[in-house]
Amino acid sequence: MLSIFILVVSTIALIYLLIQLVQAKKEGKFVQTLRDLFIILLALLMTAVIFYIGYRFFRVF
């Protein structure tokens, strides 16, 4: 249940940041918005890795 919540919130944040990225390109804040996007992608990747490790760990026992 928690992973579904994280997925939904992260997806909403990614969509919002993509919209902001398009708008920031016009305003010259492209690099800052791109940095925020990469931080969210890194957080998603870390969450997926943690769940995968937990899944593999509990599957052994």
C-alpha atoms as a PDB file:
ATOM      1  CA  MET A   1       0.000   0.000   0.000  1.00  0.00           C
ATOM      2  CA  LEU A   2       2.819   2.385   0.866  1.00  0.00           C
ATOM      3  CA  SER A   3       4.596   1.677  -2.405  1.00  0.00           C
ATOM      4  CA  ILE A   4       1.442   2.518  -4.380  1.00  0.00           C
ATOM      5  CA  PHE A   5       1.138   5.805  -2.482  1.00  0.00           C
ATOM      6  CA  ILE A   6       4.786   6.645  -3.195  1.00  0.00           C
ATOM      7  CA  LEU A   7       4.311   5.778  -6.861  1.00  0.00           C
ATOM      8  CA  VAL A   8       1.233   8.005  -7.224  1.00  0.00           C
ATOM      9  CA  VAL A   9       2.801  10.969  -5.435  1.00  0.00           C
ATOM     10  CA  SER A  10       6.035  10.611  -7.395  1.00  0.00           C
ATOM     11  CA  THR A  11       4.169  10.418 -10.690  1.00  0.00           C
ATOM     12  CA  ILE A  12       2.239  13.576  -9.867  1.00  0.00           C
ATOM     13  CA  ALA A  13       5.487  15.311  -8.915  1.00  0.00           C
ATOM     14  CA  LEU A  14       7.147  14.209 -12.165  1.00  0.00           C
ATOM     15  CA  ILE A  15       4.261  15.487 -14.273  1.00  0.00           C
ATOM     16  CA  TYR A  16       4.289  18.785 -12.383  1.00  0.00           C
ATOM     17  CA  LEU A  17       8.038  19.131 -12.837  1.00  0.00           C
ATOM     18  CA  LEU A  18       7.831  18.365 -16.547  1.00  0.00           C
ATOM     19  CA  ILE A  19       5.292  21.170 -16.912  1.00  0.00           C
ATOM     20  CA  GLN A  20       7.554  23.450 -14.871  1.00  0.00           C
ATOM     21  CA  LEU A  21      10.499  22.426 -17.043  1.00  0.00           C
ATOM     22  CA  VAL A  22       8.708  23.625 -20.166  1.00  0.00           C
ATOM     23  CA  GLN A  23       7.784  26.906 -18.489  1.00  0.00           C
ATOM     24  CA  ALA A  24      11.261  27.381 -16.986  1.00  0.00           C
ATOM     25  CA  LYS A  25      12.866  27.025 -20.381  1.00  0.00           C
ATOM     26  CA  LYS A  26      11.125  30.234 -21.354  1.00  0.00           C
ATOM     27  CA  GLU A  27      12.180  32.014 -18.143  1.00  0.00           C
ATOM     28  CA  GLY A  28      15.797  30.830 -18.019  1.00  0.00           C
ATOM     29  CA  LYS A  29      15.417  28.649 -14.909  1.00  0.00           C
ATOM     30  CA  PHE A  30      15.937  25.462 -16.880  1.00  0.00           C
ATOM     31  CA  VAL A  31      18.905  24.148 -14.890  1.00  0.00           C
ATOM     32  CA  GLN A  32      17.205  24.518 -11.505  1.00  0.00           C
ATOM     33  CA  THR A  33      14.090  22.705 -12.655  1.00  0.00           C
ATOM     34  CA  LEU A  34      16.164  19.984 -14.298  1.00  0.00           C
ATOM     35  CA  ARG A  35      18.034  19.506 -11.014  1.00  0.00           C
ATOM     36  CA  ASP A  36      14.725  19.075  -9.156  1.00  0.00           C
ATOM     37  CA  LEU A  37      13.590  16.536 -11.733  1.00  0.00           C
ATOM     38  CA  PHE A  38      16.762  14.500 -11.307  1.00  0.00           C
ATOM     39  CA  ILE A  39      16.370  14.554  -7.515  1.00  0.00           C
ATOM     40  CA  ILE A  40      12.870  13.075  -7.829  1.00  0.00           C
ATOM     41  CA  LEU A  41      14.073  10.453 -10.304  1.00  0.00           C
ATOM     42  CA  LEU A  42      16.888   9.519  -7.923  1.00  0.00           C
ATOM     43  CA  ALA A  43      14.393   9.208  -5.061  1.00  0.00           C
ATOM     44  CA  LEU A  44      12.201   6.931  -7.185  1.00  0.00           C
ATOM     45  CA  LEU A  45      15.178   4.772  -8.090  1.00  0.00           C
ATOM     46  CA  MET A  46      16.270   4.506  -4.467  1.00  0.00           C
ATOM     47  CA  THR A  47      12.730   3.567  -3.405  1.00  0.00           C
ATOM     48  CA  ALA A  48      12.551   0.867  -6.073  1.00  0.00           C
ATOM     49  CA  VAL A  49      15.917  -0.553  -5.015  1.00  0.00           C
ATOM     50  CA  ILE A  50      14.906  -0.623  -1.343  1.00  0.00           C
ATOM     51  CA  PHE A  51      11.672  -2.453  -2.150  1.00  0.00           C
ATOM     52  CA  TYR A  52      13.537  -4.903  -4.402  1.00  0.00           C
ATOM     53  CA  ILE A  53      16.096  -5.662  -1.697  1.00  0.00           C
ATOM     54  CA  GLY A  54      13.305  -6.107   0.850  1.00  0.00           C
ATOM     55  CA  TYR A  55      11.435  -8.402  -1.518  1.00  0.00           C
ATOM     56  CA  ARG A  56      14.528 -10.531  -2.137  1.00  0.00           C
ATOM     57  CA  PHE A  57      15.339 -10.611   1.584  1.00  0.00           C
ATOM     58  CA  PHE A  58      11.875 -11.745   2.680  1.00  0.00           C
ATOM     59  CA  ARG A  59      11.590 -14.247  -0.159  1.00  0.00           C
ATOM     60  CA  VAL A  60      14.570 -16.132   1.250  1.00  0.00           C
ATOM     61  CA  PHE A  61      12.875 -16.605   4.633  1.00  0.00           C
END
